[in-house]
Amino acid sequence: MTHTDPDAAPLHVVILCHPDDSSFNASVAHAYCDAVRAKGHRVILRDLYAMGFHPVLKGEERPGPAFRLFPDVADELAILQGAVAFVLVYPIWFGTPPAMLKGYVERVLGSGAIARDVQAGAAKSVLTGKVMVSFTSSAMREVWLSLQGQVEGLRSCFDHYIKHAFGLRTARHVHFEQIAPGMDARFVRLCLNDVRLEADKVIRELAEAPAGVGMD
């Protein structure tokens, strides 16, 4: 009988950014985690609000002679280092991601990154070669958000930028519209099933990738 080392299984890191631990976003994060675990993959969930993550970039964290890597950022980078998939789960508030998540991008993903290296595609990043998936939600209809330029704007400044700035292999995005209190339970179940299907797609993509891709 062949025994598989659980520590060698592919690792997914899920970043949840919502202040309510019983929110739809939390359900999405847990549905993704359960789906990948069911396929034998490992997953680490980082709930930024529950952790009390500090999103404000300090002066010493900017690139330069006085650069300093703070312990909380070092911890996040260590977790991301061995992952093959990076998952963001967050709501759209007033057309943008929560400030907490923007701070995570600045302090963690952008740690030590120099502008000219980012522009040249040469920035050193723990995300290089990894798969990214974003799950977002809004109380608004997606067609209304599109008319305001929000959908394309988010995909340009967040998905597209992060993918190319930090060398991700792929960046996928699933958006859920009309997420509000009093939602029909069947609608929620359908949304969570979409999350599981997306998790399956990510697992298939990882299985088809060359050996070692996404691992630093």
Protein backbone atom coordinates (compact mmCIF):
# COMPACT_ATOMS: atom_id res chain seq x y z
CA MET A 1 0.00 0.00 0.00
CA THR A 2 1.26 3.48 -0.89
CA HIS A 3 1.13 6.07 1.86
CA THR A 4 0.93 9.74 0.91
CA ASP A 5 2.71 12.27 3.09
CA PRO A 6 0.03 14.86 3.98
CA ASP A 7 2.73 17.52 4.38
CA ALA A 8 3.67 17.04 0.72
CA ALA A 9 0.14 17.76 -0.53
CA PRO A 10 -0.35 21.03 -2.48
CA LEU A 11 -1.03 24.00 -0.22
CA HIS A 12 -3.72 26.65 -0.80
CA VAL A 13 -3.68 29.86 1.26
CA VAL A 14 -7.07 31.57 1.59
CA ILE A 15 -7.18 35.23 2.65
CA LEU A 16 -10.60 36.17 4.05
CA CYS A 17 -11.31 39.87 4.48
CA HIS A 18 -14.68 40.47 6.16
CA PRO A 19 -15.42 41.64 9.73
CA ASP A 20 -18.38 39.24 10.24
CA ASP A 21 -17.38 35.62 10.81
CA SER A 22 -20.90 34.50 9.85
CA SER A 23 -20.96 36.47 6.59
CA PHE A 24 -21.52 35.13 3.09
CA ASN A 25 -17.83 35.77 2.44
CA ALA A 26 -16.88 33.58 5.39
CA SER A 27 -19.12 30.83 3.98
CA VAL A 28 -17.34 31.16 0.62
CA ALA A 29 -13.93 30.85 2.29
CA HIS A 30 -14.95 27.76 4.25
CA ALA A 31 -16.59 26.17 1.20
CA TYR A 32 -13.36 26.56 -0.76
CA CYS A 33 -11.30 25.17 2.12
CA ASP A 34 -13.59 22.16 2.50
CA ALA A 35 -13.53 21.49 -1.25
CA VAL A 36 -9.75 21.38 -1.55
CA ARG A 37 -9.35 19.35 1.64
CA ALA A 38 -11.78 16.81 0.22
CA LYS A 39 -9.37 16.34 -2.70
CA GLY A 40 -6.40 15.73 -0.41
CA HIS A 41 -4.91 19.22 -0.64
CA ARG A 42 -3.83 21.30 2.34
CA VAL A 43 -5.28 24.71 3.07
CA ILE A 44 -4.53 27.54 5.48
CA LEU A 45 -7.22 30.15 6.14
CA ARG A 46 -6.07 33.61 7.17
CA ASP A 47 -9.00 35.68 8.48
CA LEU A 48 -7.55 39.19 8.50
CA TYR A 49 -10.15 40.73 10.80
CA ALA A 50 -10.08 37.83 13.27
CA MET A 51 -6.27 38.02 13.30
CA GLY A 52 -6.34 41.75 13.96
CA PHE A 53 -4.04 42.29 10.99
CA HIS A 54 -2.64 45.83 10.98
CA PRO A 55 -3.10 47.22 7.46
CA VAL A 56 -1.26 50.52 7.80
CA LEU A 57 2.10 50.57 6.01
CA LYS A 58 4.85 51.93 8.25
CA GLY A 59 7.58 54.23 6.99
CA GLU A 60 10.27 51.61 7.64
CA GLU A 61 8.44 49.13 5.41
CA ARG A 62 9.05 51.17 2.28
CA PRO A 63 12.02 50.05 0.14
CA GLY A 64 15.24 51.78 1.09
CA PRO A 65 18.22 51.71 3.46
CA ALA A 66 15.94 51.78 6.53
CA PHE A 67 13.72 48.92 5.32
CA ARG A 68 12.48 46.68 8.11
CA LEU A 69 10.52 43.43 7.90
CA PHE A 70 8.04 43.35 10.78
CA PRO A 71 7.23 39.99 12.45
CA ASP A 72 3.58 39.90 11.37
CA VAL A 73 4.56 40.37 7.72
CA ALA A 74 7.34 37.78 8.03
CA ASP A 75 4.77 35.30 9.34
CA GLU A 76 2.47 35.88 6.36
CA LEU A 77 5.32 35.58 3.86
CA ALA A 78 6.42 32.29 5.44
CA ILE A 79 2.90 30.90 5.06
CA LEU A 80 2.63 32.00 1.43
CA GLN A 81 6.08 30.69 0.55
CA GLY A 82 5.07 27.06 0.19
CA ALA A 83 1.65 27.60 -1.38
CA VAL A 84 0.68 26.76 -4.95
CA ALA A 85 -2.64 28.64 -4.86
CA PHE A 86 -3.47 32.03 -3.39
CA VAL A 87 -7.16 32.81 -2.79
CA LEU A 88 -8.74 36.16 -1.92
CA VAL A 89 -12.28 36.39 -0.52
CA TYR A 90 -13.69 39.87 0.02
CA PRO A 91 -16.72 42.14 -0.49
CA ILE A 92 -16.90 45.16 -2.76
CA TRP A 93 -17.54 48.22 -0.61
CA PHE A 94 -18.15 51.55 -2.35
CA GLY A 95 -16.60 50.17 -5.50
CA THR A 96 -13.35 48.91 -3.98
CA PRO A 97 -11.97 46.12 -1.78
CA PRO A 98 -11.89 46.73 2.01
CA ALA A 99 -9.02 48.92 3.23
CA MET A 100 -7.80 45.95 5.29
CA LEU A 101 -7.11 43.99 2.09
CA LYS A 102 -5.38 46.92 0.41
CA GLY A 103 -3.11 47.08 3.43
CA TYR A 104 -2.36 43.36 3.11
CA VAL A 105 -1.30 43.90 -0.49
CA GLU A 106 0.92 46.85 0.45
CA ARG A 107 2.52 45.33 3.55
CA VAL A 108 2.73 41.63 2.64
CA LEU A 109 2.58 41.10 -1.12
CA GLY A 110 4.54 44.25 -1.85
CA SER A 111 7.07 43.78 0.94
CA GLY A 112 10.45 45.02 -0.29
CA ALA A 113 9.25 45.44 -3.87
CA ILE A 114 10.95 48.22 -5.85
CA ALA A 115 8.91 50.08 -8.49
CA ARG A 116 11.38 49.60 -11.33
CA ASP A 117 11.52 45.84 -10.66
CA VAL A 118 7.73 45.64 -10.65
CA GLN A 119 7.57 47.47 -13.97
CA ALA A 120 10.23 45.20 -15.46
CA GLY A 121 8.49 42.08 -14.19
CA ALA A 122 11.53 41.30 -12.07
CA ALA A 123 10.11 41.85 -8.58
CA LYS A 124 10.93 39.06 -6.13
CA SER A 125 7.66 37.73 -4.77
CA VAL A 126 6.29 34.75 -2.86
CA LEU A 127 3.47 34.69 -5.44
CA THR A 128 5.67 33.99 -8.45
CA GLY A 129 4.29 31.09 -10.49
CA LYS A 130 1.26 30.57 -8.27
CA VAL A 131 -2.43 30.45 -9.18
CA MET A 132 -4.63 33.23 -7.79
CA VAL A 133 -8.40 33.08 -7.38
CA SER A 134 -10.54 35.99 -6.20
CA PHE A 135 -14.07 35.56 -4.87
CA THR A 136 -15.89 38.87 -4.50
CA SER A 137 -19.42 39.85 -3.57
CA SER A 138 -21.64 42.91 -3.73
CA ALA A 139 -25.18 43.83 -2.81
CA MET A 140 -25.45 45.49 -6.23
CA ARG A 141 -26.26 43.84 -9.54
CA GLU A 142 -23.14 43.22 -11.62
CA VAL A 143 -24.63 45.02 -14.62
CA TRP A 144 -25.00 48.19 -12.50
CA LEU A 145 -21.42 47.88 -11.26
CA SER A 146 -20.25 47.44 -14.85
CA LEU A 147 -22.02 50.62 -15.90
CA GLN A 148 -20.11 52.47 -13.18
CA GLY A 149 -16.84 51.03 -14.47
CA GLN A 150 -16.29 49.15 -11.22
CA VAL A 151 -16.00 45.61 -12.59
CA GLU A 152 -13.39 46.40 -15.23
CA GLY A 153 -11.63 48.81 -12.87
CA LEU A 154 -11.25 46.17 -10.15
CA ARG A 155 -10.00 43.54 -12.57
CA SER A 156 -7.47 45.99 -14.00
CA CYS A 157 -6.09 47.46 -10.78
CA PHE A 158 -6.32 44.36 -8.61
CA ASP A 159 -6.39 41.10 -10.61
CA HIS A 160 -4.40 42.17 -13.66
CA TYR A 161 -1.93 44.31 -11.74
CA ILE A 162 -1.25 41.75 -9.00
CA LYS A 163 -0.85 38.98 -11.59
CA HIS A 164 1.79 40.83 -13.58
CA ALA A 165 3.46 42.75 -10.75
CA PHE A 166 4.08 39.64 -8.68
CA GLY A 167 4.52 37.04 -11.42
CA LEU A 168 1.42 34.92 -10.88
CA ARG A 169 0.82 32.18 -13.41
CA THR A 170 -2.94 32.76 -13.66
CA ALA A 171 -5.54 34.97 -11.99
CA ARG A 172 -9.16 33.87 -11.90
CA HIS A 173 -12.15 35.84 -10.59
CA VAL A 174 -15.62 34.78 -9.48
CA HIS A 175 -18.10 37.50 -8.50
CA PHE A 176 -21.40 37.04 -6.66
CA GLU A 177 -24.02 39.75 -7.10
CA GLN A 178 -27.02 40.78 -4.97
CA ILE A 179 -25.54 39.42 -1.75
CA ALA A 180 -27.63 40.93 1.04
CA PRO A 181 -29.41 39.99 4.28
CA GLY A 182 -32.47 37.82 3.74
CA MET A 183 -31.10 36.04 0.67
CA ASP A 184 -32.90 32.91 -0.40
CA ALA A 185 -31.16 29.84 1.05
CA ARG A 186 -31.28 28.07 -2.30
CA PHE A 187 -29.46 31.00 -3.93
CA VAL A 188 -26.72 30.78 -1.29
CA ARG A 189 -26.36 27.04 -1.88
CA LEU A 190 -25.98 27.63 -5.61
CA CYS A 191 -23.29 30.25 -4.99
CA LEU A 192 -21.36 27.93 -2.67
CA ASN A 193 -21.61 25.18 -5.25
CA ASP A 194 -19.97 27.57 -7.72
CA VAL A 195 -17.15 27.98 -5.20
CA ARG A 196 -16.66 24.21 -5.06
CA LEU A 197 -16.64 24.00 -8.84
CA GLU A 198 -14.00 26.73 -8.99
CA ALA A 199 -11.92 24.86 -6.43
CA ASP A 200 -12.11 21.79 -8.66
CA LYS A 201 -10.91 23.87 -11.63
CA VAL A 202 -7.94 25.13 -9.63
CA ILE A 203 -7.02 21.59 -8.59
CA ARG A 204 -7.17 20.42 -12.20
CA GLU A 205 -5.03 23.35 -13.30
CA LEU A 206 -2.46 22.54 -10.64
CA ALA A 207 -2.44 18.88 -11.66
CA GLU A 208 -1.66 19.88 -15.26
CA ALA A 209 1.15 22.27 -14.30
CA PRO A 210 4.79 21.21 -14.72
CA ALA A 211 6.34 19.75 -11.59
CA GLY A 212 7.56 22.41 -9.18
CA VAL A 213 5.56 25.27 -10.69
CA GLY A 214 4.26 27.58 -8.00
CA MET A 215 6.64 26.29 -5.36
CA ASP A 216 9.49 28.51 -4.15
